[in-house]
């Protein structure tokens, strides 16, 4: 009987890890954000901004917006990516951006782009 319980627990854990549900549920319960990977090239960041802002309202990163920073393409792209990610239901696949996005469980507003690029 103990072997059956152990086997069942193993199968359940294997399912969670194979589906990513266990990790995803934990990250979302704490809060999660989508940001650009620090090594992303400027050209790619511009493509991401254009794509994300064609799908969601990006007024916040436009001139006069709370997150407007014309000299910090990394932060602009990260905000646009996160707006898109949050609007699409916070699924990992909505933060991929062809390998340029990463999920963080640390609030990125607490850090500057200089901290993230270390």
N, C-alpha and C. Protein backbone atom coordinates (compact mmCIF):
# COMPACT_ATOMS: atom_id res chain seq x y z
N UNK A 1 0.82 -1.19 0.00
CA UNK A 1 0.00 0.00 0.00
C UNK A 1 0.87 1.26 0.00
N UNK A 2 1.96 1.24 0.77
CA UNK A 2 2.84 2.40 0.84
C UNK A 2 3.48 2.66 -0.52
N UNK A 3 3.81 1.58 -1.23
CA UNK A 3 4.40 1.75 -2.56
C UNK A 3 3.41 2.43 -3.50
N UNK A 4 2.14 2.10 -3.40
CA UNK A 4 1.12 2.71 -4.26
C UNK A 4 1.01 4.20 -3.98
N UNK A 5 1.04 4.60 -2.71
CA UNK A 5 0.96 6.02 -2.36
C UNK A 5 2.20 6.77 -2.85
N UNK A 6 3.36 6.17 -2.67
CA UNK A 6 4.60 6.78 -3.12
C UNK A 6 4.60 6.94 -4.63
N UNK A 7 4.14 5.92 -5.32
CA UNK A 7 4.08 5.96 -6.78
C UNK A 7 3.10 7.04 -7.24
N UNK A 8 1.95 7.13 -6.60
CA UNK A 8 0.94 8.12 -6.95
C UNK A 8 1.48 9.53 -6.73
N UNK A 9 2.16 9.75 -5.61
CA UNK A 9 2.77 11.06 -5.34
C UNK A 9 3.80 11.41 -6.40
N UNK A 10 4.61 10.46 -6.78
CA UNK A 10 5.61 10.68 -7.81
C UNK A 10 4.96 11.05 -9.14
N UNK A 11 3.90 10.36 -9.50
CA UNK A 11 3.20 10.65 -10.76
C UNK A 11 2.59 12.05 -10.73
N UNK A 12 2.01 12.43 -9.61
CA UNK A 12 1.44 13.77 -9.49
C UNK A 12 2.51 14.83 -9.61
N UNK A 13 3.62 14.65 -8.90
CA UNK A 13 4.72 15.62 -9.01
C UNK A 13 5.29 15.67 -10.42
N UNK A 14 5.44 14.54 -11.05
CA UNK A 14 5.94 14.49 -12.41
C UNK A 14 5.01 15.26 -13.34
N UNK A 15 3.72 15.11 -13.16
CA UNK A 15 2.75 15.84 -13.97
C UNK A 15 2.91 17.35 -13.78
N UNK A 16 3.00 17.79 -12.51
CA UNK A 16 3.14 19.21 -12.25
C UNK A 16 4.38 19.78 -12.90
N UNK A 17 5.50 19.10 -12.77
CA UNK A 17 6.74 19.60 -13.33
C UNK A 17 6.75 19.54 -14.85
N UNK A 18 6.16 18.52 -15.44
CA UNK A 18 6.15 18.41 -16.90
C UNK A 18 5.25 19.46 -17.52
N UNK A 19 4.19 19.84 -16.83
CA UNK A 19 3.27 20.85 -17.33
C UNK A 19 3.69 22.26 -16.92
N UNK A 20 4.58 22.35 -15.96
CA UNK A 20 4.98 23.65 -15.45
C UNK A 20 3.97 24.25 -14.50
N UNK A 21 2.90 23.53 -14.18
CA UNK A 21 1.83 24.05 -13.34
C UNK A 21 2.32 24.37 -11.93
N UNK A 22 3.16 23.52 -11.38
CA UNK A 22 3.64 23.72 -10.02
C UNK A 22 4.45 25.01 -9.93
N UNK A 23 5.39 25.18 -10.84
CA UNK A 23 6.23 26.38 -10.85
C UNK A 23 5.39 27.61 -11.17
N UNK A 24 4.52 27.50 -12.17
CA UNK A 24 3.69 28.63 -12.59
C UNK A 24 2.77 29.06 -11.45
N UNK A 25 2.15 28.12 -10.77
CA UNK A 25 1.23 28.46 -9.68
C UNK A 25 1.97 29.17 -8.55
N UNK A 26 3.17 28.71 -8.24
CA UNK A 26 3.94 29.34 -7.17
C UNK A 26 4.33 30.76 -7.56
N UNK A 27 4.81 30.96 -8.77
CA UNK A 27 5.24 32.29 -9.21
C UNK A 27 4.05 33.25 -9.25
N UNK A 28 2.91 32.78 -9.73
CA UNK A 28 1.77 33.67 -9.83
C UNK A 28 1.18 34.01 -8.48
N UNK A 29 1.31 33.12 -7.52
CA UNK A 29 0.76 33.43 -6.21
C UNK A 29 1.57 34.53 -5.54
N UNK A 30 2.82 34.65 -5.85
CA UNK A 30 3.67 35.68 -5.27
C UNK A 30 3.64 36.97 -6.07
N UNK A 31 3.20 36.93 -7.30
CA UNK A 31 3.26 38.05 -8.21
C UNK A 31 4.40 37.77 -9.18
N UNK A 32 4.15 38.03 -10.44
CA UNK A 32 5.19 37.82 -11.43
C UNK A 32 5.08 38.86 -12.51
N UNK A 33 6.22 39.16 -13.10
CA UNK A 33 6.33 40.19 -14.11
C UNK A 33 7.16 39.65 -15.27
N UNK A 34 6.88 40.17 -16.44
CA UNK A 34 7.65 39.83 -17.62
C UNK A 34 8.56 41.01 -17.94
N UNK A 35 9.84 40.75 -18.08
CA UNK A 35 10.80 41.80 -18.41
C UNK A 35 11.73 41.30 -19.51
N UNK A 36 12.42 42.23 -20.13
CA UNK A 36 13.39 41.89 -21.17
C UNK A 36 14.64 41.30 -20.55
N UNK A 37 15.22 40.33 -21.24
CA UNK A 37 16.50 39.79 -20.80
C UNK A 37 17.55 40.88 -21.00
N UNK A 38 18.46 41.03 -20.05
CA UNK A 38 19.45 42.11 -20.13
C UNK A 38 20.29 42.15 -21.40
N UNK A 39 20.55 41.02 -22.03
CA UNK A 39 21.42 40.99 -23.21
C UNK A 39 20.66 41.27 -24.52
N UNK A 40 19.38 41.59 -24.45
CA UNK A 40 18.59 41.80 -25.65
C UNK A 40 19.07 43.05 -26.40
N UNK A 41 19.26 42.89 -27.69
CA UNK A 41 19.74 43.99 -28.55
C UNK A 41 18.67 45.07 -28.71
N UNK A 42 19.12 46.30 -28.93
CA UNK A 42 18.20 47.44 -29.07
C UNK A 42 17.20 47.24 -30.21
N UNK A 43 17.64 46.66 -31.32
CA UNK A 43 16.73 46.44 -32.45
C UNK A 43 15.59 45.51 -32.04
N UNK A 44 15.91 44.48 -31.27
CA UNK A 44 14.90 43.54 -30.80
C UNK A 44 13.97 44.21 -29.80
N UNK A 45 14.53 45.06 -28.93
CA UNK A 45 13.70 45.78 -27.96
C UNK A 45 12.68 46.65 -28.68
N UNK A 46 13.10 47.31 -29.75
CA UNK A 46 12.18 48.13 -30.54
C UNK A 46 11.08 47.29 -31.18
N UNK A 47 11.44 46.12 -31.70
CA UNK A 47 10.44 45.22 -32.28
C UNK A 47 9.43 44.78 -31.22
N UNK A 48 9.92 44.48 -30.04
CA UNK A 48 9.05 44.05 -28.95
C UNK A 48 8.08 45.17 -28.57
N UNK A 49 8.59 46.38 -28.43
CA UNK A 49 7.73 47.52 -28.09
C UNK A 49 6.65 47.69 -29.14
N UNK A 50 7.04 47.65 -30.40
CA UNK A 50 6.07 47.82 -31.48
C UNK A 50 5.01 46.72 -31.46
N UNK A 51 5.44 45.48 -31.26
CA UNK A 51 4.49 44.37 -31.23
C UNK A 51 3.56 44.48 -30.02
N UNK A 52 4.14 44.59 -28.83
CA UNK A 52 3.32 44.61 -27.61
C UNK A 52 2.35 45.78 -27.62
N UNK A 53 2.83 46.94 -28.06
CA UNK A 53 1.98 48.13 -28.06
C UNK A 53 0.94 48.13 -29.17
N UNK A 54 1.08 47.22 -30.13
CA UNK A 54 0.03 47.07 -31.14
C UNK A 54 -1.11 46.22 -30.59
N UNK A 55 -0.87 45.53 -29.47
CA UNK A 55 -1.86 44.64 -28.86
C UNK A 55 -2.47 45.19 -27.58
N UNK A 56 -1.72 46.04 -26.86
CA UNK A 56 -2.20 46.59 -25.60
C UNK A 56 -1.95 48.10 -25.56
N UNK A 57 -2.61 48.76 -24.63
CA UNK A 57 -2.45 50.21 -24.47
C UNK A 57 -1.12 50.51 -23.77
N UNK A 58 -0.26 51.22 -24.47
CA UNK A 58 1.07 51.54 -23.93
C UNK A 58 1.23 53.02 -23.62
N UNK A 59 0.15 53.69 -23.29
CA UNK A 59 0.23 55.13 -22.98
C UNK A 59 1.22 55.41 -21.85
N UNK A 60 1.34 54.46 -20.95
CA UNK A 60 2.21 54.64 -19.79
C UNK A 60 3.68 54.84 -20.19
N UNK A 61 4.09 54.33 -21.36
CA UNK A 61 5.48 54.52 -21.80
C UNK A 61 5.60 55.57 -22.89
N UNK A 62 4.48 56.20 -23.24
CA UNK A 62 4.50 57.29 -24.23
C UNK A 62 4.91 58.58 -23.54
N UNK A 63 5.31 59.57 -24.32
CA UNK A 63 5.70 60.85 -23.76
C UNK A 63 4.59 61.38 -22.85
N UNK A 64 4.97 61.74 -21.63
CA UNK A 64 4.02 62.21 -20.64
C UNK A 64 3.50 61.09 -19.73
N UNK A 65 3.75 59.85 -20.10
CA UNK A 65 3.30 58.71 -19.29
C UNK A 65 4.19 58.51 -18.08
N UNK A 66 3.66 57.81 -17.09
CA UNK A 66 4.38 57.59 -15.83
C UNK A 66 5.69 56.83 -16.01
N UNK A 67 5.79 56.00 -17.03
CA UNK A 67 7.00 55.19 -17.24
C UNK A 67 7.78 55.64 -18.47
N UNK A 68 7.53 56.85 -18.93
CA UNK A 68 8.23 57.35 -20.12
C UNK A 68 9.68 57.63 -19.76
N UNK A 69 10.58 57.05 -20.53
CA UNK A 69 12.01 57.23 -20.33
C UNK A 69 12.68 57.07 -21.70
N UNK A 70 12.78 58.15 -22.47
CA UNK A 70 13.25 58.04 -23.86
C UNK A 70 14.66 57.50 -24.02
N UNK A 71 15.47 57.58 -22.99
CA UNK A 71 16.85 57.12 -23.08
C UNK A 71 17.07 55.73 -22.52
N UNK A 72 16.00 55.04 -22.16
CA UNK A 72 16.13 53.72 -21.56
C UNK A 72 15.23 52.72 -22.28
N UNK A 73 15.70 52.25 -23.41
CA UNK A 73 14.94 51.32 -24.24
C UNK A 73 14.65 50.02 -23.51
N UNK A 74 15.58 49.58 -22.68
CA UNK A 74 15.39 48.35 -21.91
C UNK A 74 14.15 48.46 -21.01
N UNK A 75 14.04 49.54 -20.27
CA UNK A 75 12.89 49.71 -19.38
C UNK A 75 11.60 49.87 -20.16
N UNK A 76 11.63 50.63 -21.26
CA UNK A 76 10.43 50.80 -22.08
C UNK A 76 9.93 49.45 -22.59
N UNK A 77 10.86 48.64 -23.09
CA UNK A 77 10.49 47.32 -23.61
C UNK A 77 9.97 46.43 -22.48
N UNK A 78 10.60 46.49 -21.33
CA UNK A 78 10.17 45.66 -20.20
C UNK A 78 8.75 46.03 -19.77
N UNK A 79 8.45 47.31 -19.73
CA UNK A 79 7.09 47.75 -19.36
C UNK A 79 6.09 47.27 -20.41
N UNK A 80 6.42 47.45 -21.69
CA UNK A 80 5.53 47.00 -22.77
C UNK A 80 5.33 45.48 -22.71
N UNK A 81 6.39 44.74 -22.48
CA UNK A 81 6.30 43.29 -22.38
C UNK A 81 5.40 42.89 -21.22
N UNK A 82 5.57 43.54 -20.09
CA UNK A 82 4.77 43.20 -18.92
C UNK A 82 3.30 43.57 -19.13
N UNK A 83 3.04 44.70 -19.77
CA UNK A 83 1.65 45.06 -20.07
C UNK A 83 0.99 43.97 -20.91
N UNK A 84 1.71 43.52 -21.93
CA UNK A 84 1.19 42.46 -22.80
C UNK A 84 1.01 41.16 -22.01
N UNK A 85 2.01 40.78 -21.27
CA UNK A 85 1.99 39.54 -20.48
C UNK A 85 0.80 39.53 -19.51
N UNK A 86 0.62 40.62 -18.79
CA UNK A 86 -0.48 40.70 -17.82
C UNK A 86 -1.83 40.66 -18.54
N UNK A 87 -1.96 41.38 -19.65
CA UNK A 87 -3.22 41.43 -20.40
C UNK A 87 -3.59 40.08 -21.00
N UNK A 88 -2.59 39.27 -21.31
CA UNK A 88 -2.84 37.97 -21.93
C UNK A 88 -3.04 36.84 -20.93
N UNK A 89 -3.09 37.17 -19.66
CA UNK A 89 -3.39 36.15 -18.66
C UNK A 89 -2.20 35.57 -17.94
N UNK A 90 -1.04 36.19 -18.06
CA UNK A 90 0.16 35.78 -17.34
C UNK A 90 0.56 34.34 -17.62
N UNK A 91 0.54 33.95 -18.86
CA UNK A 91 1.02 32.62 -19.26
C UNK A 91 2.48 32.76 -19.69
N UNK A 92 3.30 31.79 -19.32
CA UNK A 92 4.72 31.86 -19.65
C UNK A 92 4.95 32.11 -21.13
N UNK A 93 4.14 31.51 -21.98
CA UNK A 93 4.34 31.67 -23.43
C UNK A 93 4.13 33.11 -23.88
N UNK A 94 3.42 33.90 -23.11
CA UNK A 94 3.20 35.30 -23.47
C UNK A 94 4.32 36.21 -23.00
N UNK A 95 5.38 35.62 -22.49
CA UNK A 95 6.56 36.39 -22.11
C UNK A 95 7.79 35.92 -22.87
N UNK A 96 7.60 35.12 -23.86
CA UNK A 96 8.76 34.59 -24.59
C UNK A 96 9.40 35.63 -25.49
N UNK A 97 8.62 36.28 -26.32
CA UNK A 97 9.12 37.29 -27.26
C UNK A 97 10.37 36.80 -27.99
N UNK A 98 10.22 35.61 -28.57
CA UNK A 98 11.31 34.97 -29.33
C UNK A 98 12.59 34.84 -28.50
N UNK A 99 12.42 34.48 -27.25
CA UNK A 99 13.57 34.25 -26.38
C UNK A 99 14.11 35.48 -25.69
N UNK A 100 13.44 36.62 -25.82
CA UNK A 100 13.94 37.87 -25.25
C UNK A 100 13.30 38.24 -23.91
N UNK A 101 12.30 37.47 -23.48
CA UNK A 101 11.62 37.79 -22.23
C UNK A 101 11.94 36.79 -21.13
N UNK A 102 11.78 37.25 -19.92
CA UNK A 102 12.00 36.39 -18.76
C UNK A 102 10.99 36.78 -17.68
N UNK A 103 10.52 35.77 -16.96
CA UNK A 103 9.59 36.00 -15.84
C UNK A 103 10.42 36.23 -14.58
N UNK A 104 10.01 37.24 -13.83
CA UNK A 104 10.66 37.49 -12.54
C UNK A 104 9.59 37.54 -11.47
N UNK A 105 9.93 37.08 -10.28
CA UNK A 105 9.00 37.17 -9.16
C UNK A 105 9.40 38.32 -8.24
N UNK A 106 10.45 39.04 -8.61
CA UNK A 106 10.88 40.24 -7.89
C UNK A 106 10.35 41.44 -8.66
N UNK A 107 9.65 42.32 -7.99
CA UNK A 107 9.06 43.49 -8.63
C UNK A 107 10.16 44.31 -9.32
N UNK A 108 10.12 44.40 -10.66
CA UNK A 108 11.18 45.11 -11.37
C UNK A 108 11.18 46.60 -11.13
N UNK A 109 10.11 47.16 -10.61
CA UNK A 109 10.09 48.60 -10.34
C UNK A 109 11.02 48.96 -9.18
N UNK A 110 11.47 47.96 -8.44
CA UNK A 110 12.40 48.19 -7.34
C UNK A 110 13.85 48.31 -7.80
N UNK A 111 14.10 48.00 -9.08
CA UNK A 111 15.45 48.00 -9.60
C UNK A 111 15.55 48.89 -10.82
N UNK A 112 16.73 49.39 -11.10
CA UNK A 112 16.96 50.12 -12.33
C UNK A 112 17.53 49.17 -13.36
N UNK A 113 17.58 49.59 -14.63
CA UNK A 113 18.13 48.73 -15.68
C UNK A 113 19.61 48.44 -15.42
N UNK A 114 20.31 49.32 -14.72
CA UNK A 114 21.71 49.08 -14.41
C UNK A 114 21.85 47.88 -13.48
N UNK A 115 20.94 47.76 -12.53
CA UNK A 115 20.97 46.62 -11.60
C UNK A 115 20.69 45.34 -12.36
N UNK A 116 19.72 45.36 -13.29
CA UNK A 116 19.33 44.16 -14.00
C UNK A 116 20.41 43.69 -14.97
N UNK A 117 21.23 44.58 -15.45
CA UNK A 117 22.19 44.19 -16.48
C UNK A 117 23.54 43.72 -15.92
N UNK A 118 23.64 43.59 -14.61
CA UNK A 118 24.90 43.13 -14.01
C UNK A 118 25.22 41.72 -14.36
